[in-house]
Amino acid sequence: MKYMLLVCGDDTADASGMAPVEPWVEEHGVRRGARLYGHRLQLPDQAVTVRVRDGEVLRTDGPFAETKEYVAGFDVVDCAGLEEAVRIAAEHPVATIGAMEVRPFWDEGLMEDAEEAVRRIDAELTAAARARDIDRMAACYAPDVDFFGPAGLQGQSGIGALRKAAEAWFATLSGPVHREVLELRVRPGEGSTFSHALVRIHGTRATGEPLDRVVRVTTGYRDTGFSWLIAHEHVSLPVAGSPS
């Protein structure tokens, strides 16, 4: 289970005798693999607090609350349970002069893991292609998606451009478009994931000629916190000798 460790500093504490953080990162990140990610934050006087009231954006320079304790950084750890997360937090050097808040991520039982998300999105794309449903297909992509395609198409960005490219492609075909995944490899990551696939596309061209082509698709997915979306897609044409 994943936990967020909020590293809470104390501006009244003497940090001169605190042990360095690097050995803790080495032990729990590199050797044990429990620490997935983390980063130090700027001091509270660099913060900006934002509120919206009656449609008006209210901006205040400084932290949300004036207090001697402040969030100095964070670490994400993946542990068997709360006790292990507490033990790791207790070994953090800042715990000796400040505090470590250990908080579990939102119920992971309800969260879709990376490989499940990739396979679900892939099935959606297959169904959308068959139905020639551009809205359903576009729902699988991030608004700022970057994509690259065949037929001399240069790299483009944005869901609007992707919709236009899909409309232009469907216009060259008649009837349903069959999308068959021949091979799919998923490489899960923290917050982002990549997949590599061989995809067979077959159907009928608008001219009446058959279409049967295998393409290689490299896809990058982003975890938005609510769902996974495609943020990058690169479609490569087949090499000589492949069906076309």
Protein backbone atom coordinates (compact mmCIF):
# COMPACT_ATOMS: atom_id res chain seq x y z
CA MET A 1 0.00 0.00 0.00
CA LYS A 2 1.24 3.50 -0.82
CA TYR A 3 1.75 6.16 1.85
CA MET A 4 2.65 9.82 1.62
CA LEU A 5 5.23 10.90 4.17
CA LEU A 6 4.88 14.63 4.75
CA VAL A 7 8.21 15.90 6.05
CA CYS A 8 7.35 18.62 8.57
CA GLY A 9 10.12 20.99 9.57
CA ASP A 10 10.21 23.28 12.57
CA ASP A 11 11.70 26.74 12.07
CA THR A 12 12.54 27.00 15.77
CA ALA A 13 14.55 23.76 15.85
CA ASP A 14 18.33 23.58 15.60
CA ALA A 15 19.07 21.44 12.55
CA SER A 16 22.84 21.63 12.88
CA GLY A 17 23.06 18.18 14.46
CA MET A 18 20.60 16.47 12.14
CA ALA A 19 21.93 13.51 10.16
CA PRO A 20 21.99 13.89 6.34
CA VAL A 21 18.97 12.62 4.42
CA GLU A 22 20.91 10.96 1.59
CA PRO A 23 21.67 7.69 3.48
CA TRP A 24 17.95 7.32 4.31
CA VAL A 25 17.08 7.76 0.62
CA GLU A 26 19.78 5.26 -0.35
CA GLU A 27 18.56 2.66 2.17
CA HIS A 28 14.82 2.85 1.51
CA GLY A 29 14.88 3.90 -2.12
CA VAL A 30 17.80 2.13 -3.77
CA ARG A 31 18.40 -0.90 -1.54
CA ARG A 32 14.93 -1.77 -0.28
CA GLY A 33 12.81 -0.20 -3.03
CA ALA A 34 10.15 1.08 -0.61
CA ARG A 35 10.66 4.77 -1.40
CA LEU A 36 9.19 5.43 -4.84
CA TYR A 37 9.66 9.17 -5.13
CA GLY A 38 10.18 12.31 -3.10
CA HIS A 39 11.37 15.88 -3.22
CA ARG A 40 12.33 18.80 -1.04
CA LEU A 41 10.14 21.93 -1.11
CA GLN A 42 11.01 25.63 -0.95
CA LEU A 43 10.48 27.41 2.38
CA PRO A 44 6.96 28.62 3.30
CA ASP A 45 7.72 32.24 2.40
CA GLN A 46 7.83 31.10 -1.24
CA ALA A 47 4.31 29.67 -1.06
CA VAL A 48 1.19 31.17 -2.62
CA THR A 49 -2.23 30.33 -1.19
CA VAL A 50 -5.16 30.37 -3.63
CA ARG A 51 -8.86 30.57 -2.77
CA VAL A 52 -11.91 31.16 -4.97
CA ARG A 53 -14.88 32.96 -3.43
CA ASP A 54 -17.97 33.90 -5.49
CA GLY A 55 -15.99 33.31 -8.65
CA GLU A 56 -13.15 35.62 -7.63
CA VAL A 57 -9.62 34.24 -7.34
CA LEU A 58 -8.04 35.35 -4.07
CA ARG A 59 -4.26 35.00 -3.95
CA THR A 60 -2.24 35.36 -0.76
CA ASP A 61 1.55 35.26 -0.64
CA GLY A 62 2.74 32.85 2.00
CA PRO A 63 1.54 29.56 3.50
CA PHE A 64 -2.02 28.52 4.29
CA ALA A 65 -1.45 28.91 8.02
CA GLU A 66 1.12 30.79 10.07
CA THR A 67 2.81 28.18 12.22
CA LYS A 68 6.31 27.24 13.28
CA GLU A 69 5.86 23.82 11.63
CA TYR A 70 5.70 23.58 7.85
CA VAL A 71 5.85 20.92 5.11
CA ALA A 72 9.47 20.86 3.98
CA GLY A 73 9.14 17.98 1.54
CA PHE A 74 7.47 14.67 0.85
CA ASP A 75 8.22 11.05 0.11
CA VAL A 76 6.00 8.36 -1.39
CA VAL A 77 6.61 4.85 -0.02
CA ASP A 78 5.09 1.50 -0.90
CA CYS A 79 4.77 -0.69 2.21
CA ALA A 80 3.05 -3.83 3.41
CA GLY A 81 1.08 -1.76 5.92
CA LEU A 82 0.96 1.21 8.26
CA GLU A 83 3.49 -0.17 10.76
CA GLU A 84 6.17 -0.50 8.11
CA ALA A 85 5.44 3.03 6.87
CA VAL A 86 5.71 4.37 10.44
CA ARG A 87 9.03 2.57 10.92
CA ILE A 88 10.44 4.08 7.71
CA ALA A 89 9.19 7.54 8.73
CA ALA A 90 10.80 7.18 12.15
CA GLU A 91 14.17 6.56 10.50
CA HIS A 92 13.96 9.83 8.52
CA PRO A 93 16.46 12.38 9.92
CA VAL A 94 13.85 15.18 10.07
CA ALA A 95 11.84 13.10 12.56
CA THR A 96 14.53 13.95 15.14
CA ILE A 97 13.89 17.72 14.95
CA GLY A 98 10.46 18.02 13.34
CA ALA A 99 7.73 15.53 12.51
CA MET A 100 6.69 13.05 9.84
CA GLU A 101 3.01 12.79 8.93
CA VAL A 102 2.18 9.34 7.52
CA ARG A 103 -0.95 9.34 5.41
CA PRO A 104 -2.27 6.51 3.18
CA PHE A 105 -3.26 7.24 -0.39
CA TRP A 106 -6.96 7.15 -1.19
CA ASP A 107 -8.38 3.62 -1.01
CA GLU A 108 -6.17 1.74 -3.43
CA GLY A 109 -8.76 -1.02 -3.65
CA LEU A 110 -10.77 1.41 -5.74
CA MET A 111 -7.84 2.56 -7.84
CA GLU A 112 -7.03 0.98 -11.17
CA ASP A 113 -3.44 -0.16 -11.50
CA ALA A 114 -1.36 0.74 -14.53
CA GLU A 115 -1.56 -2.55 -16.41
CA GLU A 116 -5.32 -2.85 -15.89
CA ALA A 117 -5.71 0.71 -17.19
CA VAL A 118 -3.62 0.05 -20.31
CA ARG A 119 -5.61 -3.05 -21.22
CA ARG A 120 -8.93 -1.30 -20.58
CA ILE A 121 -7.93 1.67 -22.76
CA ASP A 122 -6.70 -0.68 -25.47
CA ALA A 123 -10.06 -2.48 -25.48
CA GLU A 124 -11.85 0.89 -25.69
CA LEU A 125 -9.77 1.91 -28.71
CA THR A 126 -10.58 -1.39 -30.42
CA ALA A 127 -14.31 -0.94 -29.82
CA ALA A 128 -14.22 2.73 -30.87
CA ALA A 129 -12.42 1.91 -34.13
CA ARG A 130 -14.95 -0.78 -35.03
CA ALA A 131 -17.82 1.63 -34.38
CA ARG A 132 -15.96 4.56 -36.00
CA ASP A 133 -16.79 6.44 -32.79
CA ILE A 134 -14.43 9.41 -32.56
CA ASP A 135 -15.92 10.69 -29.28
CA ARG A 136 -15.32 7.34 -27.60
CA MET A 137 -11.81 7.19 -28.96
CA ALA A 138 -10.97 10.77 -27.95
CA ALA A 139 -12.09 10.06 -24.36
CA CYS A 140 -9.01 7.82 -24.01
CA TYR A 141 -6.59 10.71 -24.58
CA ALA A 142 -5.33 13.60 -22.46
CA PRO A 143 -6.29 17.10 -23.67
CA ASP A 144 -2.61 17.91 -24.35
CA VAL A 145 -1.76 14.59 -26.01
CA ASP A 146 1.26 14.50 -28.33
CA PHE A 147 0.89 12.07 -31.24
CA PHE A 148 2.85 10.97 -34.27
CA GLY A 149 1.48 8.93 -37.14
CA PRO A 150 2.26 7.39 -40.52
CA ALA A 151 1.83 8.74 -44.06
CA GLY A 152 4.18 11.66 -43.50
CA LEU A 153 2.10 13.08 -40.65
CA GLN A 154 4.23 15.31 -38.49
CA GLY A 155 3.98 15.28 -34.73
CA GLN A 156 0.91 17.12 -33.48
CA SER A 157 -0.46 18.11 -30.09
CA GLY A 158 -3.89 18.48 -28.55
CA ILE A 159 -7.15 16.58 -28.57
CA GLY A 160 -8.58 18.85 -31.29
CA ALA A 161 -5.79 17.95 -33.70
CA LEU A 162 -6.14 14.28 -32.83
CA ARG A 163 -9.88 14.35 -33.59
CA LYS A 164 -9.24 15.96 -36.99
CA ALA A 165 -6.58 13.35 -37.80
CA ALA A 166 -8.99 10.55 -36.83
CA GLU A 167 -11.78 12.05 -38.95
CA ALA A 168 -9.43 12.30 -41.95
CA TRP A 169 -8.34 8.68 -41.48
CA PHE A 170 -11.88 7.32 -41.16
CA ALA A 171 -12.80 9.21 -44.33
CA THR A 172 -10.36 7.00 -46.26
CA LEU A 173 -12.17 3.86 -45.09
CA SER A 174 -15.66 2.40 -45.46
CA GLY A 175 -17.43 0.17 -42.97
CA PRO A 176 -16.09 -0.99 -39.62
CA VAL A 177 -12.38 -0.83 -38.83
CA HIS A 178 -11.02 -3.98 -37.22
CA ARG A 179 -8.20 -3.47 -34.73
CA GLU A 180 -6.40 -6.60 -33.51
CA VAL A 181 -3.59 -6.43 -30.94
CA LEU A 182 -1.01 -9.07 -31.83
CA GLU A 183 1.42 -8.24 -29.04
CA LEU A 184 1.21 -5.93 -26.03
CA ARG A 185 3.93 -5.25 -23.47
CA VAL A 186 3.26 -2.95 -20.54
CA ARG A 187 5.98 -1.24 -18.52
CA PRO A 188 4.32 0.17 -15.39
CA GLY A 189 5.74 3.23 -13.67
CA GLU A 190 4.88 5.63 -10.87
CA GLY A 191 2.39 8.15 -12.28
CA SER A 192 3.19 7.24 -15.88
CA THR A 193 3.34 4.03 -17.89
CA PHE A 194 4.46 2.95 -21.35
CA SER A 195 3.25 0.17 -23.60
CA HIS A 196 4.63 -1.30 -26.82
CA ALA A 197 2.27 -3.09 -29.17
CA LEU A 198 1.98 -4.64 -32.60
CA VAL A 199 -1.48 -3.83 -33.93
CA ARG A 200 -3.12 -5.24 -37.04
CA ILE A 201 -5.58 -2.88 -38.75
CA HIS A 202 -7.86 -4.36 -41.39
CA GLY A 203 -10.95 -3.20 -43.19
CA THR A 204 -11.97 -1.76 -46.55
CA ARG A 205 -10.66 1.42 -48.12
CA ALA A 206 -13.11 3.98 -49.51
CA THR A 207 -11.88 2.93 -52.98
CA GLY A 208 -13.03 -0.64 -52.33
CA GLU A 209 -9.52 -2.02 -51.89
CA PRO A 210 -8.77 -4.11 -48.81
CA LEU A 211 -6.66 -2.70 -45.98
CA ASP A 212 -4.53 -5.09 -43.93
CA ARG A 213 -1.59 -3.52 -42.15
CA VAL A 214 0.48 -4.18 -39.05
CA VAL A 215 1.80 -1.11 -37.20
CA ARG A 216 3.96 -0.68 -34.14
CA VAL A 217 2.43 1.55 -31.49
CA THR A 218 4.37 3.05 -28.58
CA THR A 219 2.06 4.69 -26.06
CA GLY A 220 2.65 6.75 -22.93
CA TYR A 221 -0.09 6.97 -20.28
CA ARG A 222 -0.53 9.53 -17.50
CA ASP A 223 -2.22 8.95 -14.15
CA THR A 224 -4.43 12.01 -13.61
CA GLY A 225 -5.37 10.91 -10.10
CA PHE A 226 -8.86 9.98 -11.28
CA SER A 227 -8.14 7.92 -14.38
CA TRP A 228 -5.37 6.99 -16.79
CA LEU A 229 -5.20 8.78 -20.16
CA ILE A 230 -2.95 8.54 -23.20
CA ALA A 231 -0.49 11.43 -23.16
CA HIS A 232 1.81 10.29 -25.99
CA GLU A 233 1.29 7.98 -28.95
CA HIS A 234 3.67 7.07 -31.75
CA VAL A 235 2.46 4.88 -34.64
CA SER A 236 5.15 3.48 -36.94
CA LEU A 237 4.61 1.99 -40.38
CA PRO A 238 5.47 -1.68 -40.97
CA VAL A 239 8.79 -2.74 -42.36
CA ALA A 240 9.04 -4.27 -45.82
CA GLY A 241 7.39 -7.66 -46.02
CA SER A 242 4.61 -6.91 -43.52
CA PRO A 243 0.98 -7.03 -44.68
CA SER A 244 -0.12 -3.74 -46.28
